[in-house]
Amino acid sequence: MSDAQTRVGQLLSEYEDSELFFTAGAATAIISWFVIPLIGLIAVYCGYQLYHCSDRWITSAVFVLMGASAVINHFYFVFIA
């Protein structure tokens, strides 16, 4: 294979990875706020990976903040309040 074909294959795999993390991050961020707060840890992970494999830094920050805040709220209300 040529270098161009290898590079195209890498770009496609990075695009697929970023779409996977975007979809999983969006779903788990919403679920963490309304159903199971601990799933917010998956949203944090997806946001972190989305930041590293694409240029969607605002979206990744939203996923990290939504997931982390759901987990923090859960622990606050369970253990402190």
C-alpha atoms as a PDB file:
ATOM      1  CA  MET A   1       0.000   0.000   0.000  1.00  0.00           C
ATOM      2  CA  SER A   2       1.106   3.515  -0.628  1.00  0.00           C
ATOM      3  CA  ASP A   3       1.524   6.171   2.019  1.00  0.00           C
ATOM      4  CA  ALA A   4      -1.573   7.995   0.763  1.00  0.00           C
ATOM      5  CA  GLN A   5      -3.766   4.918   1.185  1.00  0.00           C
ATOM      6  CA  THR A   6      -2.363   4.323   4.660  1.00  0.00           C
ATOM      7  CA  ARG A   7      -3.035   7.937   5.642  1.00  0.00           C
ATOM      8  CA  VAL A   8      -6.609   7.767   4.310  1.00  0.00           C
ATOM      9  CA  GLY A   9      -7.165   4.594   6.323  1.00  0.00           C
ATOM     10  CA  GLN A  10      -5.876   6.308   9.466  1.00  0.00           C
ATOM     11  CA  LEU A  11      -8.128   9.316   8.907  1.00  0.00           C
ATOM     12  CA  LEU A  12     -11.168   7.097   8.417  1.00  0.00           C
ATOM     13  CA  SER A  13     -10.444   5.135  11.582  1.00  0.00           C
ATOM     14  CA  GLU A  14      -9.965   8.385  13.543  1.00  0.00           C
ATOM     15  CA  TYR A  15     -13.279   9.686  12.162  1.00  0.00           C
ATOM     16  CA  GLU A  16     -15.052   6.473  13.155  1.00  0.00           C
ATOM     17  CA  ASP A  17     -13.512   6.643  16.632  1.00  0.00           C
ATOM     18  CA  SER A  18     -14.594  10.243  17.096  1.00  0.00           C
ATOM     19  CA  GLU A  19     -18.147   9.429  15.978  1.00  0.00           C
ATOM     20  CA  LEU A  20     -18.252   6.495  18.379  1.00  0.00           C
ATOM     21  CA  PHE A  21     -17.091   8.632  21.304  1.00  0.00           C
ATOM     22  CA  PHE A  22     -19.486  11.430  20.318  1.00  0.00           C
ATOM     23  CA  THR A  23     -22.506   9.107  20.201  1.00  0.00           C
ATOM     24  CA  ALA A  24     -21.592   7.247  23.377  1.00  0.00           C
ATOM     25  CA  GLY A  25     -20.746  10.475  25.192  1.00  0.00           C
ATOM     26  CA  ALA A  26     -24.029  12.135  24.274  1.00  0.00           C
ATOM     27  CA  ALA A  27     -26.093   9.106  25.277  1.00  0.00           C
ATOM     28  CA  THR A  28     -24.311   8.524  28.567  1.00  0.00           C
ATOM     29  CA  ALA A  29     -24.319  12.212  29.505  1.00  0.00           C
ATOM     30  CA  ILE A  30     -28.101  12.348  29.144  1.00  0.00           C
ATOM     31  CA  ILE A  31     -28.620   9.006  30.895  1.00  0.00           C
ATOM     32  CA  SER A  32     -26.359  10.067  33.754  1.00  0.00           C
ATOM     33  CA  TRP A  33     -28.526  13.080  34.519  1.00  0.00           C
ATOM     34  CA  PHE A  34     -31.880  11.340  34.366  1.00  0.00           C
ATOM     35  CA  VAL A  35     -31.436   7.636  35.108  1.00  0.00           C
ATOM     36  CA  ILE A  36     -28.099   6.351  36.460  1.00  0.00           C
ATOM     37  CA  PRO A  37     -25.654   9.023  37.656  1.00  0.00           C
ATOM     38  CA  LEU A  38     -22.619   6.732  37.772  1.00  0.00           C
ATOM     39  CA  ILE A  39     -22.790   6.313  34.004  1.00  0.00           C
ATOM     40  CA  GLY A  40     -21.475   9.863  33.964  1.00  0.00           C
ATOM     41  CA  LEU A  41     -18.009   8.355  34.363  1.00  0.00           C
ATOM     42  CA  ILE A  42     -18.384   6.885  30.877  1.00  0.00           C
ATOM     43  CA  ALA A  43     -19.388  10.318  29.579  1.00  0.00           C
ATOM     44  CA  VAL A  44     -16.234  11.758  31.128  1.00  0.00           C
ATOM     45  CA  TYR A  45     -14.119   9.095  29.457  1.00  0.00           C
ATOM     46  CA  CYS A  46     -15.810   9.619  26.082  1.00  0.00           C
ATOM     47  CA  GLY A  47     -15.307  13.372  26.349  1.00  0.00           C
ATOM     48  CA  TYR A  48     -11.642  12.865  27.159  1.00  0.00           C
ATOM     49  CA  GLN A  49     -11.134  10.511  24.219  1.00  0.00           C
ATOM     50  CA  LEU A  50     -13.104  12.809  21.907  1.00  0.00           C
ATOM     51  CA  TYR A  51     -10.769  15.632  22.851  1.00  0.00           C
ATOM     52  CA  HIS A  52      -7.741  13.551  21.914  1.00  0.00           C
ATOM     53  CA  CYS A  53      -8.981  12.047  18.641  1.00  0.00           C
ATOM     54  CA  SER A  54     -10.717  15.075  17.082  1.00  0.00           C
ATOM     55  CA  ASP A  55     -10.896  18.836  17.242  1.00  0.00           C
ATOM     56  CA  ARG A  56     -14.263  18.943  19.026  1.00  0.00           C
ATOM     57  CA  TRP A  57     -12.947  20.437  22.246  1.00  0.00           C
ATOM     58  CA  ILE A  58     -16.180  22.264  23.140  1.00  0.00           C
ATOM     59  CA  THR A  59     -18.269  19.117  22.744  1.00  0.00           C
ATOM     60  CA  SER A  60     -15.785  17.093  24.734  1.00  0.00           C
ATOM     61  CA  ALA A  61     -15.825  19.706  27.507  1.00  0.00           C
ATOM     62  CA  VAL A  62     -19.638  19.529  27.633  1.00  0.00           C
ATOM     63  CA  PHE A  63     -19.541  15.729  27.961  1.00  0.00           C
ATOM     64  CA  VAL A  64     -16.913  15.882  30.700  1.00  0.00           C
ATOM     65  CA  LEU A  65     -18.792  18.567  32.629  1.00  0.00           C
ATOM     66  CA  MET A  66     -22.192  16.860  32.324  1.00  0.00           C
ATOM     67  CA  GLY A  67     -20.842  13.464  33.356  1.00  0.00           C
ATOM     68  CA  ALA A  68     -18.702  14.768  36.197  1.00  0.00           C
ATOM     69  CA  SER A  69     -21.434  17.007  37.573  1.00  0.00           C
ATOM     70  CA  ALA A  70     -23.933  14.133  37.574  1.00  0.00           C
ATOM     71  CA  VAL A  71     -21.507  11.933  39.513  1.00  0.00           C
ATOM     72  CA  ILE A  72     -20.610  14.734  41.958  1.00  0.00           C
ATOM     73  CA  ASN A  73     -24.281  15.553  42.553  1.00  0.00           C
ATOM     74  CA  HIS A  74     -25.035  11.892  43.154  1.00  0.00           C
ATOM     75  CA  PHE A  75     -22.283  11.506  45.727  1.00  0.00           C
ATOM     76  CA  TYR A  76     -23.251  14.777  47.393  1.00  0.00           C
ATOM     77  CA  PHE A  77     -26.886  13.787  47.850  1.00  0.00           C
ATOM     78  CA  VAL A  78     -26.099  10.217  48.888  1.00  0.00           C
ATOM     79  CA  PHE A  79     -23.247  10.814  51.330  1.00  0.00           C
ATOM     80  CA  ILE A  80     -23.523  14.423  52.508  1.00  0.00           C
ATOM     81  CA  ALA A  81     -27.120  15.609  52.310  1.00  0.00           C
END
